[in-house]
Amino acid sequence: MLYRTGVTRDDILESLSELGFSTNEARAYKGLLFESPATGYEIAQRAGIPRSAIYAVLKRLEDEGMVARVEETPARYAPLPPSDLLGVLRRRFDRSLEGLDSSLRRLRPPPPPVDLWNVTGYTEVLERARTLIESAEEHIFCSVWRREAARLQPAF
């Protein structure tokens, strides 16, 4: 199977990695997309995966349904077609998102956020105080020095 489009092998590798494939799994799957069926040795050579690791990688991909063994002697592998791969990954991520959503809904609500500001310098402190005074709806309890009271007087 050989796909020839404007898509590069690096684009595929990056996308597969972002979807949870290990580097070697992504390399093996993308290698098969460009040339398959292939033996483990051929895949290792083309994908730059050590021969000592390729069969464990292919086993994981086979267990996940991402590749299939299409011949036994020698074992030759083919990738799950891209449209099928996308369906498998969508279902997997949908289940994961549903599980996360369910778990988050069972959490007690977190405490409300604490009002915390990081202000630097005298002018910024006065500006923040002015903003708070102007946004007050009913009462303001304020303890300030005379100099600051005079500067904030227009806001009161």
N, C-alpha and C. Protein backbone atom coordinates (compact mmCIF):
# COMPACT_ATOMS: atom_id res chain seq x y z
N MET A 1 0.86 -1.16 0.00
CA MET A 1 0.00 0.00 0.00
C MET A 1 0.91 1.22 0.00
N LEU A 2 0.73 2.11 -0.92
CA LEU A 2 1.58 3.28 -1.00
C LEU A 2 0.70 4.50 -1.18
N TYR A 3 0.80 5.45 -0.25
CA TYR A 3 0.02 6.69 -0.32
C TYR A 3 0.95 7.79 -0.79
N ARG A 4 0.54 8.49 -1.81
CA ARG A 4 1.35 9.62 -2.29
C ARG A 4 0.46 10.85 -2.32
N THR A 5 0.74 11.74 -1.41
CA THR A 5 -0.01 12.99 -1.33
C THR A 5 0.94 14.07 -0.88
N GLY A 6 0.40 15.23 -0.53
CA GLY A 6 1.23 16.31 0.00
C GLY A 6 1.60 16.10 1.45
N VAL A 7 1.14 15.02 2.06
CA VAL A 7 1.43 14.75 3.47
C VAL A 7 2.82 14.14 3.57
N THR A 8 3.60 14.62 4.49
CA THR A 8 4.94 14.06 4.67
C THR A 8 4.91 13.00 5.76
N ARG A 9 5.92 12.20 5.77
CA ARG A 9 6.04 11.19 6.82
C ARG A 9 6.15 11.83 8.19
N ASP A 10 6.81 13.01 8.26
CA ASP A 10 6.96 13.70 9.54
C ASP A 10 5.60 14.17 10.07
N ASP A 11 4.70 14.62 9.18
CA ASP A 11 3.37 15.03 9.61
C ASP A 11 2.63 13.86 10.25
N ILE A 12 2.73 12.72 9.63
CA ILE A 12 2.05 11.52 10.15
C ILE A 12 2.66 11.12 11.48
N LEU A 13 3.98 11.09 11.55
CA LEU A 13 4.67 10.71 12.78
C LEU A 13 4.27 11.62 13.93
N GLU A 14 4.26 12.92 13.69
CA GLU A 14 3.90 13.89 14.72
C GLU A 14 2.45 13.70 15.18
N SER A 15 1.55 13.52 14.23
CA SER A 15 0.13 13.34 14.58
C SER A 15 -0.09 12.06 15.38
N LEU A 16 0.53 10.98 14.96
CA LEU A 16 0.37 9.72 15.69
C LEU A 16 0.93 9.84 17.11
N SER A 17 2.07 10.50 17.24
CA SER A 17 2.65 10.69 18.58
C SER A 17 1.72 11.49 19.47
N GLU A 18 1.09 12.53 18.91
CA GLU A 18 0.15 13.34 19.68
C GLU A 18 -1.07 12.54 20.10
N LEU A 19 -1.38 11.48 19.37
CA LEU A 19 -2.53 10.64 19.69
C LEU A 19 -2.18 9.47 20.61
N GLY A 20 -0.97 9.45 21.13
CA GLY A 20 -0.62 8.45 22.13
C GLY A 20 0.24 7.31 21.64
N PHE A 21 0.61 7.29 20.37
CA PHE A 21 1.52 6.26 19.88
C PHE A 21 2.91 6.55 20.41
N SER A 22 3.65 5.52 20.81
CA SER A 22 5.05 5.72 21.16
C SER A 22 5.79 6.08 19.86
N THR A 23 7.00 6.58 19.99
CA THR A 23 7.77 6.95 18.80
C THR A 23 7.93 5.76 17.87
N ASN A 24 8.29 4.60 18.42
CA ASN A 24 8.48 3.42 17.58
C ASN A 24 7.17 2.91 17.00
N GLU A 25 6.08 2.98 17.75
CA GLU A 25 4.79 2.57 17.21
C GLU A 25 4.39 3.47 16.04
N ALA A 26 4.58 4.77 16.21
CA ALA A 26 4.25 5.72 15.15
C ALA A 26 5.12 5.47 13.92
N ARG A 27 6.41 5.22 14.13
CA ARG A 27 7.31 4.96 13.00
C ARG A 27 6.90 3.68 12.26
N ALA A 28 6.59 2.64 13.01
CA ALA A 28 6.21 1.38 12.38
C ALA A 28 4.91 1.52 11.60
N TYR A 29 3.90 2.15 12.20
CA TYR A 29 2.60 2.30 11.52
C TYR A 29 2.77 3.15 10.26
N LYS A 30 3.45 4.28 10.37
CA LYS A 30 3.60 5.15 9.19
C LYS A 30 4.43 4.46 8.12
N GLY A 31 5.42 3.66 8.52
CA GLY A 31 6.20 2.92 7.54
C GLY A 31 5.33 1.95 6.76
N LEU A 32 4.41 1.32 7.46
CA LEU A 32 3.49 0.40 6.79
C LEU A 32 2.51 1.13 5.87
N LEU A 33 2.16 2.35 6.22
CA LEU A 33 1.27 3.12 5.35
C LEU A 33 1.91 3.37 3.99
N PHE A 34 3.21 3.56 3.99
CA PHE A 34 3.90 3.87 2.75
C PHE A 34 4.32 2.62 1.99
N GLU A 35 4.48 1.48 2.67
CA GLU A 35 4.86 0.25 2.00
C GLU A 35 4.45 -0.95 2.82
N SER A 36 3.48 -1.69 2.33
CA SER A 36 3.05 -2.89 3.04
C SER A 36 2.42 -3.87 2.05
N PRO A 37 2.28 -5.12 2.41
CA PRO A 37 2.72 -5.70 3.68
C PRO A 37 4.24 -5.79 3.74
N ALA A 38 4.73 -5.92 4.97
CA ALA A 38 6.18 -5.97 5.17
C ALA A 38 6.49 -6.86 6.36
N THR A 39 7.69 -7.41 6.34
CA THR A 39 8.15 -8.21 7.48
C THR A 39 8.64 -7.28 8.58
N GLY A 40 8.80 -7.83 9.77
CA GLY A 40 9.33 -7.05 10.88
C GLY A 40 10.70 -6.49 10.55
N TYR A 41 11.52 -7.29 9.90
CA TYR A 41 12.86 -6.84 9.52
C TYR A 41 12.77 -5.65 8.57
N GLU A 42 11.91 -5.73 7.56
CA GLU A 42 11.76 -4.64 6.60
C GLU A 42 11.25 -3.36 7.28
N ILE A 43 10.30 -3.54 8.17
CA ILE A 43 9.74 -2.39 8.89
C ILE A 43 10.83 -1.73 9.74
N ALA A 44 11.59 -2.55 10.45
CA ALA A 44 12.66 -2.03 11.31
C ALA A 44 13.67 -1.25 10.48
N GLN A 45 14.05 -1.79 9.33
CA GLN A 45 15.03 -1.13 8.47
C GLN A 45 14.51 0.21 7.97
N ARG A 46 13.28 0.23 7.47
CA ARG A 46 12.72 1.46 6.88
C ARG A 46 12.39 2.51 7.93
N ALA A 47 11.95 2.04 9.10
CA ALA A 47 11.47 2.97 10.13
C ALA A 47 12.56 3.39 11.12
N GLY A 48 13.72 2.79 11.02
CA GLY A 48 14.80 3.14 11.95
C GLY A 48 14.54 2.65 13.36
N ILE A 49 13.91 1.49 13.47
CA ILE A 49 13.63 0.89 14.78
C ILE A 49 14.60 -0.27 14.97
N PRO A 50 15.23 -0.38 16.14
CA PRO A 50 16.14 -1.52 16.35
C PRO A 50 15.41 -2.84 16.14
N ARG A 51 16.10 -3.79 15.49
CA ARG A 51 15.48 -5.10 15.24
C ARG A 51 15.08 -5.77 16.55
N SER A 52 15.84 -5.51 17.61
CA SER A 52 15.52 -6.12 18.89
C SER A 52 14.20 -5.61 19.46
N ALA A 53 13.72 -4.46 18.99
CA ALA A 53 12.49 -3.86 19.51
C ALA A 53 11.29 -4.02 18.59
N ILE A 54 11.51 -4.31 17.31
CA ILE A 54 10.42 -4.23 16.34
C ILE A 54 9.29 -5.21 16.62
N TYR A 55 9.61 -6.42 17.07
CA TYR A 55 8.53 -7.40 17.25
C TYR A 55 7.65 -7.07 18.45
N ALA A 56 8.23 -6.48 19.48
CA ALA A 56 7.41 -6.03 20.62
C ALA A 56 6.51 -4.87 20.19
N VAL A 57 7.05 -3.98 19.36
CA VAL A 57 6.26 -2.85 18.84
C VAL A 57 5.10 -3.38 18.00
N LEU A 58 5.41 -4.30 17.09
CA LEU A 58 4.36 -4.86 16.23
C LEU A 58 3.32 -5.62 17.04
N LYS A 59 3.75 -6.29 18.09
CA LYS A 59 2.80 -7.02 18.95
C LYS A 59 1.84 -6.05 19.62
N ARG A 60 2.36 -4.93 20.15
CA ARG A 60 1.48 -3.92 20.77
C ARG A 60 0.50 -3.35 19.75
N LEU A 61 1.00 -3.03 18.56
CA LEU A 61 0.12 -2.49 17.52
C LEU A 61 -0.92 -3.52 17.08
N GLU A 62 -0.51 -4.77 17.02
CA GLU A 62 -1.45 -5.84 16.66
C GLU A 62 -2.50 -6.03 17.75
N ASP A 63 -2.07 -6.00 19.02
CA ASP A 63 -3.01 -6.13 20.14
C ASP A 63 -4.03 -4.99 20.16
N GLU A 64 -3.59 -3.80 19.75
CA GLU A 64 -4.47 -2.63 19.72
C GLU A 64 -5.32 -2.59 18.45
N GLY A 65 -5.06 -3.51 17.52
CA GLY A 65 -5.82 -3.53 16.27
C GLY A 65 -5.35 -2.53 15.25
N MET A 66 -4.16 -1.98 15.43
CA MET A 66 -3.65 -0.96 14.51
C MET A 66 -2.94 -1.57 13.29
N VAL A 67 -2.42 -2.77 13.46
CA VAL A 67 -1.84 -3.52 12.34
C VAL A 67 -2.37 -4.94 12.41
N ALA A 68 -2.28 -5.63 11.26
CA ALA A 68 -2.71 -7.03 11.21
C ALA A 68 -1.61 -7.86 10.57
N ARG A 69 -1.46 -9.08 11.07
CA ARG A 69 -0.52 -10.02 10.46
C ARG A 69 -1.27 -10.64 9.29
N VAL A 70 -0.75 -10.48 8.08
CA VAL A 70 -1.45 -10.95 6.89
C VAL A 70 -0.84 -12.22 6.31
N GLU A 71 0.36 -12.55 6.72
CA GLU A 71 1.00 -13.81 6.33
C GLU A 71 1.76 -14.34 7.53
N GLU A 72 1.92 -15.66 7.60
CA GLU A 72 2.57 -16.26 8.76
C GLU A 72 4.05 -16.55 8.55
N THR A 73 4.44 -17.08 7.39
CA THR A 73 5.83 -17.50 7.21
C THR A 73 6.38 -16.89 5.94
N PRO A 74 7.20 -15.88 6.02
CA PRO A 74 7.49 -15.11 7.21
C PRO A 74 6.31 -14.20 7.56
N ALA A 75 6.26 -13.80 8.82
CA ALA A 75 5.17 -12.92 9.26
C ALA A 75 5.28 -11.60 8.51
N ARG A 76 4.18 -11.21 7.90
CA ARG A 76 4.12 -9.93 7.19
C ARG A 76 2.94 -9.14 7.76
N TYR A 77 3.13 -7.84 7.86
CA TYR A 77 2.15 -6.99 8.52
C TYR A 77 1.61 -5.92 7.57
N ALA A 78 0.37 -5.54 7.82
CA ALA A 78 -0.27 -4.45 7.07
C ALA A 78 -0.95 -3.54 8.08
N PRO A 79 -1.02 -2.24 7.76
CA PRO A 79 -1.65 -1.30 8.70
C PRO A 79 -3.17 -1.36 8.60
N LEU A 80 -3.82 -1.01 9.68
CA LEU A 80 -5.25 -0.77 9.63
C LEU A 80 -5.44 0.41 8.69
N PRO A 81 -6.38 0.34 7.74
CA PRO A 81 -6.55 1.48 6.83
C PRO A 81 -6.80 2.77 7.62
N PRO A 82 -6.28 3.89 7.12
CA PRO A 82 -6.40 5.16 7.85
C PRO A 82 -7.83 5.50 8.27
N SER A 83 -8.81 5.28 7.41
CA SER A 83 -10.20 5.62 7.80
C SER A 83 -10.65 4.77 8.98
N ASP A 84 -10.24 3.51 9.01
CA ASP A 84 -10.59 2.64 10.14
C ASP A 84 -9.83 3.04 11.39
N LEU A 85 -8.57 3.43 11.21
CA LEU A 85 -7.76 3.88 12.35
C LEU A 85 -8.42 5.08 13.02
N LEU A 86 -8.87 6.02 12.20
CA LEU A 86 -9.50 7.22 12.75
C LEU A 86 -10.75 6.85 13.55
N GLY A 87 -11.54 5.90 13.05
CA GLY A 87 -12.73 5.46 13.79
C GLY A 87 -12.37 4.82 15.12
N VAL A 88 -11.35 3.97 15.13
CA VAL A 88 -10.90 3.32 16.37
C VAL A 88 -10.44 4.36 17.37
N LEU A 89 -9.63 5.31 16.91
CA LEU A 89 -9.10 6.34 17.82
C LEU A 89 -10.23 7.24 18.33
N ARG A 90 -11.18 7.59 17.47
CA ARG A 90 -12.31 8.42 17.92
C ARG A 90 -13.11 7.71 19.01
N ARG A 91 -13.39 6.44 18.80
CA ARG A 91 -14.14 5.69 19.82
C ARG A 91 -13.36 5.60 21.12
N ARG A 92 -12.04 5.37 21.03
CA ARG A 92 -11.21 5.27 22.22
C ARG A 92 -11.21 6.60 22.99
N PHE A 93 -11.02 7.69 22.28
CA PHE A 93 -10.97 8.99 22.95
C PHE A 93 -12.34 9.41 23.45
N ASP A 94 -13.40 9.06 22.73
CA ASP A 94 -14.75 9.37 23.22
C ASP A 94 -15.00 8.65 24.54
N ARG A 95 -14.61 7.37 24.62
CA ARG A 95 -14.78 6.62 25.89
C ARG A 95 -13.96 7.25 27.00
N SER A 96 -12.74 7.65 26.68
CA SER A 96 -11.88 8.28 27.69
C SER A 96 -12.48 9.59 28.16
N LEU A 97 -12.98 10.40 27.24
CA LEU A 97 -13.58 11.69 27.61
C LEU A 97 -14.85 11.50 28.42
N GLU A 98 -15.66 10.51 28.06
CA GLU A 98 -16.87 10.23 28.82
C GLU A 98 -16.52 9.79 30.24
N GLY A 99 -15.50 8.96 30.37
CA GLY A 99 -15.06 8.52 31.69
C GLY A 99 -14.55 9.68 32.53
N LEU A 100 -13.77 10.55 31.93
CA LEU A 100 -13.26 11.72 32.64
C LEU A 100 -14.40 12.64 33.05
N ASP A 101 -15.33 12.88 32.14
CA ASP A 101 -16.47 13.73 32.44
C ASP A 101 -17.26 13.17 33.61
N SER A 102 -17.50 11.88 33.60
CA SER A 102 -18.24 11.23 34.68
C SER A 102 -17.50 11.36 36.01
N SER A 103 -16.20 11.15 35.99
CA SER A 103 -15.40 11.26 37.21
C SER A 103 -15.40 12.68 37.75
N LEU A 104 -15.26 13.65 36.85
CA LEU A 104 -15.24 15.05 37.29
C LEU A 104 -16.57 15.47 37.88
N ARG A 105 -17.65 14.95 37.35
CA ARG A 105 -18.98 15.30 37.86
C ARG A 105 -19.20 14.74 39.26
N ARG A 106 -18.52 13.65 39.61
CA ARG A 106 -18.68 13.05 40.93
C ARG A 106 -17.85 13.75 42.00
N LEU A 107 -16.93 14.61 41.58
CA LEU A 107 -16.12 15.35 42.55
C LEU A 107 -16.98 16.34 43.32
N ARG A 108 -16.61 16.57 44.57
CA ARG A 108 -17.25 17.66 45.30
C ARG A 108 -16.83 18.94 44.63
N PRO A 109 -17.70 19.93 44.65
CA PRO A 109 -17.28 21.20 44.03
C PRO A 109 -16.08 21.77 44.76
N PRO A 110 -15.13 22.30 44.02
CA PRO A 110 -13.95 22.87 44.67
C PRO A 110 -14.33 24.15 45.41
N PRO A 111 -13.52 24.56 46.37
CA PRO A 111 -13.82 25.82 47.08
C PRO A 111 -13.74 26.98 46.08
N PRO A 112 -14.47 28.02 46.37
CA PRO A 112 -14.42 29.17 45.45
C PRO A 112 -13.01 29.74 45.40
N PRO A 113 -12.65 30.32 44.27
CA PRO A 113 -11.30 30.86 44.17
C PRO A 113 -11.10 32.02 45.13
N VAL A 114 -9.91 32.15 45.62
CA VAL A 114 -9.55 33.23 46.53
C VAL A 114 -9.17 34.44 45.69
N ASP A 115 -9.70 35.61 46.11
CA ASP A 115 -9.31 36.83 45.41
C ASP A 115 -7.87 37.14 45.80
N LEU A 116 -7.02 37.12 44.83
CA LEU A 116 -5.61 37.36 45.07
C LEU A 116 -5.06 38.17 43.91
N TRP A 117 -4.38 39.25 44.24
CA TRP A 117 -3.78 40.09 43.22
C TRP A 117 -2.31 40.25 43.51
N ASN A 118 -1.58 40.42 42.47
CA ASN A 118 -0.16 40.71 42.61
C ASN A 118 0.04 42.10 42.04
N VAL A 119 0.24 43.06 42.92
CA VAL A 119 0.43 44.44 42.49
C VAL A 119 1.81 44.90 42.91
N THR A 120 2.39 45.74 42.09
CA THR A 120 3.74 46.22 42.35
C THR A 120 3.75 47.74 42.25
N GLY A 121 4.23 48.37 43.28
CA GLY A 121 4.41 49.81 43.24
C GLY A 121 3.21 50.58 43.79
N TYR A 122 3.52 51.74 44.29
CA TYR A 122 2.53 52.61 44.93
C TYR A 122 1.39 52.97 43.99
N THR A 123 1.70 53.36 42.78
CA THR A 123 0.67 53.78 41.82
C THR A 123 -0.27 52.63 41.51
N GLU A 124 0.25 51.44 41.32
CA GLU A 124 -0.59 50.28 41.01
C GLU A 124 -1.48 49.91 42.20
N VAL A 125 -0.97 50.06 43.42
CA VAL A 125 -1.78 49.80 44.61
C VAL A 125 -2.96 50.77 44.66
N LEU A 126 -2.68 52.06 44.41
CA LEU A 126 -3.76 53.06 44.40
C LEU A 126 -4.77 52.78 43.29
N GLU A 127 -4.31 52.38 42.11
CA GLU A 127 -5.22 52.08 41.00
C GLU A 127 -6.11 50.89 41.34
N ARG A 128 -5.54 49.88 41.96
CA ARG A 128 -6.33 48.69 42.34
C ARG A 128 -7.36 49.10 43.40
N ALA A 129 -6.98 49.90 44.37
CA ALA A 129 -7.91 50.37 45.40
C ALA A 129 -9.02 51.20 44.76
N ARG A 130 -8.68 52.06 43.83
CA ARG A 130 -9.68 52.89 43.13
C ARG A 130 -10.68 52.00 42.39
N THR A 131 -10.20 50.98 41.71
CA THR A 131 -11.07 50.05 40.98
C THR A 131 -12.02 49.34 41.93
N LEU A 132 -11.50 48.88 43.07
CA LEU A 132 -12.35 48.19 44.05
C LEU A 132 -13.40 49.13 44.62
N ILE A 133 -13.01 50.36 44.93
CA ILE A 133 -13.96 51.34 45.49
C ILE A 133 -15.06 51.62 44.47
N GLU A 134 -14.70 51.83 43.22
CA GLU A 134 -15.68 52.15 42.18
C GLU A 134 -16.61 50.98 41.87
N SER A 135 -16.17 49.76 42.12
CA SER A 135 -17.01 48.61 41.82
C SER A 135 -17.86 48.17 43.02
N ALA A 136 -17.69 48.81 44.17
CA ALA A 136 -18.47 48.47 45.36
C ALA A 136 -19.95 48.76 45.10
N GLU A 137 -20.82 47.88 45.61
CA GLU A 137 -22.26 48.04 45.39
C GLU A 137 -22.99 48.65 46.58
N GLU A 138 -22.54 48.37 47.82
CA GLU A 138 -23.27 48.89 48.98
C GLU A 138 -22.38 49.62 49.97
N HIS A 139 -21.42 48.92 50.55
CA HIS A 139 -20.61 49.50 51.63
C HIS A 139 -19.14 49.34 51.33
N ILE A 140 -18.39 50.27 51.87
CA ILE A 140 -16.94 50.19 51.79
C ILE A 140 -16.40 50.43 53.19
N PHE A 141 -15.63 49.49 53.68
CA PHE A 141 -14.93 49.66 54.94
C PHE A 141 -13.46 49.79 54.58
N CYS A 142 -12.90 50.89 54.94
CA CYS A 142 -11.56 51.18 54.46
C CYS A 142 -10.72 51.78 55.59
N SER A 143 -9.51 51.33 55.70
CA SER A 143 -8.56 51.90 56.66
C SER A 143 -7.36 52.37 55.86
N VAL A 144 -7.21 53.69 55.75
CA VAL A 144 -6.11 54.23 54.95
C VAL A 144 -5.49 55.42 55.67
N TRP A 145 -4.28 55.76 55.26
CA TRP A 145 -3.64 56.94 55.78
C TRP A 145 -4.24 58.18 55.11
N ARG A 146 -4.03 59.29 55.74
CA ARG A 146 -4.62 60.54 55.27
C ARG A 146 -4.21 60.86 53.82
N ARG A 147 -2.93 60.66 53.50
CA ARG A 147 -2.44 60.97 52.15
C ARG A 147 -3.17 60.13 51.08
N GLU A 148 -3.35 58.81 51.36
CA GLU A 148 -4.02 57.93 50.41
C GLU A 148 -5.52 58.22 50.37
N ALA A 149 -6.10 58.57 51.52
CA ALA A 149 -7.52 58.92 51.55
C ALA A 149 -7.78 60.11 50.64
N ALA A 150 -6.89 61.08 50.67
CA ALA A 150 -7.06 62.27 49.83
C ALA A 150 -6.97 61.88 48.34
N ARG A 151 -6.06 61.00 48.00
CA ARG A 151 -5.91 60.60 46.60
C ARG A 151 -7.07 59.73 46.12
N LEU A 152 -7.66 58.97 47.04
CA LEU A 152 -8.78 58.09 46.66
C LEU A 152 -10.15 58.78 46.82
N GLN A 153 -10.18 59.98 47.39
CA GLN A 153 -11.43 60.68 47.66
C GLN A 153 -12.37 60.75 46.43
N PRO A 154 -11.88 61.05 45.22
CA PRO A 154 -12.79 61.11 44.07
C PRO A 154 -13.50 59.77 43.79
N ALA A 155 -12.87 58.67 44.10
CA ALA A 155 -13.48 57.36 43.86
C ALA A 155 -14.59 57.07 44.86
N PHE A 156 -14.47 57.66 46.10
CA PHE A 156 -15.49 57.44 47.10
C PHE A 156 -16.74 58.19 46.69
